Amino acid sequence: MDIPLPTSRLDVDVDLGFALFFLVLLCLFLLVTVVRCVQMVLDPYSSISASTYQEEQVEG
């Protein structure tokens, strides 16, 4: 009579672990990108340095 070996509840599927890790990484990257884009839309001139304004001034 064959007795099945007890299996642990902590068996981890490595492929699933990698997939979930990269999914979380992708979501974090997307969140950071969305936050950065919203900041640029709300205040676009804060990302431009002051020297850019000085270079664009035309003496007249």
C-alpha atoms as a PDB file:
ATOM      1  CA  MET A   1       0.000   0.000   0.000  1.00  0.00           C
ATOM      2  CA  ASP A   2       1.468   3.319  -1.070  1.00  0.00           C
ATOM      3  CA  ILE A   3       1.320   6.056   1.514  1.00  0.00           C
ATOM      4  CA  PRO A   4       1.553   9.564   0.018  1.00  0.00           C
ATOM      5  CA  LEU A   5       4.327  11.689   1.411  1.00  0.00           C
ATOM      6  CA  PRO A   6       3.159  14.662   3.446  1.00  0.00           C
ATOM      7  CA  THR A   7       3.515  17.876   1.531  1.00  0.00           C
ATOM      8  CA  SER A   8       4.335  21.139   3.180  1.00  0.00           C
ATOM      9  CA  ARG A   9       2.005  24.094   2.844  1.00  0.00           C
ATOM     10  CA  LEU A  10       5.081  26.264   2.254  1.00  0.00           C
ATOM     11  CA  ASP A  11       5.820  24.810  -1.185  1.00  0.00           C
ATOM     12  CA  VAL A  12       6.726  27.781  -3.351  1.00  0.00           C
ATOM     13  CA  ASP A  13       6.393  27.878  -7.104  1.00  0.00           C
ATOM     14  CA  VAL A  14       9.549  29.668  -8.243  1.00  0.00           C
ATOM     15  CA  ASP A  15       8.071  30.769 -11.566  1.00  0.00           C
ATOM     16  CA  LEU A  16       5.070  32.266  -9.809  1.00  0.00           C
ATOM     17  CA  GLY A  17       7.390  34.041  -7.391  1.00  0.00           C
ATOM     18  CA  PHE A  18       9.381  35.620 -10.211  1.00  0.00           C
ATOM     19  CA  ALA A  19       6.209  36.610 -12.031  1.00  0.00           C
ATOM     20  CA  LEU A  20       4.759  38.261  -8.930  1.00  0.00           C
ATOM     21  CA  PHE A  21       8.046  40.021  -8.197  1.00  0.00           C
ATOM     22  CA  PHE A  22       8.225  41.534 -11.670  1.00  0.00           C
ATOM     23  CA  LEU A  23       4.532  42.419 -11.554  1.00  0.00           C
ATOM     24  CA  VAL A  24       5.070  44.351  -8.311  1.00  0.00           C
ATOM     25  CA  LEU A  25       8.180  45.985  -9.805  1.00  0.00           C
ATOM     26  CA  LEU A  26       6.209  47.008 -12.885  1.00  0.00           C
ATOM     27  CA  CYS A  27       3.396  48.448 -10.768  1.00  0.00           C
ATOM     28  CA  LEU A  28       5.856  50.489  -8.694  1.00  0.00           C
ATOM     29  CA  PHE A  29       7.503  51.844 -11.846  1.00  0.00           C
ATOM     30  CA  LEU A  30       4.088  52.740 -13.278  1.00  0.00           C
ATOM     31  CA  LEU A  31       3.076  54.479 -10.052  1.00  0.00           C
ATOM     32  CA  VAL A  32       6.291  56.532  -9.951  1.00  0.00           C
ATOM     33  CA  THR A  33       5.858  57.464 -13.618  1.00  0.00           C
ATOM     34  CA  VAL A  34       2.252  58.548 -13.119  1.00  0.00           C
ATOM     35  CA  VAL A  35       3.159  60.666 -10.086  1.00  0.00           C
ATOM     36  CA  ARG A  36       6.015  62.324 -11.999  1.00  0.00           C
ATOM     37  CA  CYS A  37       3.777  63.065 -14.993  1.00  0.00           C
ATOM     38  CA  VAL A  38       1.068  64.554 -12.778  1.00  0.00           C
ATOM     39  CA  GLN A  39       3.673  66.799 -11.130  1.00  0.00           C
ATOM     40  CA  MET A  40       4.866  68.013 -14.524  1.00  0.00           C
ATOM     41  CA  VAL A  41       1.299  68.683 -15.701  1.00  0.00           C
ATOM     42  CA  LEU A  42       0.420  70.641 -12.556  1.00  0.00           C
ATOM     43  CA  ASP A  43       3.641  72.707 -12.495  1.00  0.00           C
ATOM     44  CA  PRO A  44       5.527  72.430 -15.804  1.00  0.00           C
ATOM     45  CA  TYR A  45       7.901  75.328 -15.185  1.00  0.00           C
ATOM     46  CA  SER A  46       9.404  73.875 -12.009  1.00  0.00           C
ATOM     47  CA  SER A  47      11.350  71.305 -14.054  1.00  0.00           C
ATOM     48  CA  ILE A  48      13.048  73.984 -16.185  1.00  0.00           C
ATOM     49  CA  SER A  49      16.242  75.427 -14.743  1.00  0.00           C
ATOM     50  CA  ALA A  50      16.666  79.181 -14.278  1.00  0.00           C
ATOM     51  CA  SER A  51      19.545  79.269 -16.757  1.00  0.00           C
ATOM     52  CA  THR A  52      17.130  78.263 -19.525  1.00  0.00           C
ATOM     53  CA  TYR A  53      15.138  81.421 -18.953  1.00  0.00           C
ATOM     54  CA  GLN A  54      18.304  83.508 -19.149  1.00  0.00           C
ATOM     55  CA  GLU A  55      19.400  81.900 -22.416  1.00  0.00           C
ATOM     56  CA  GLU A  56      16.042  82.581 -24.074  1.00  0.00           C
ATOM     57  CA  GLN A  57      15.969  86.284 -23.262  1.00  0.00           C
ATOM     58  CA  VAL A  58      16.426  88.397 -26.362  1.00  0.00           C
ATOM     59  CA  GLU A  59      18.160  91.740 -25.984  1.00  0.00           C
ATOM     60  CA  GLY A  60      16.281  94.403 -27.824  1.00  0.00           C
END
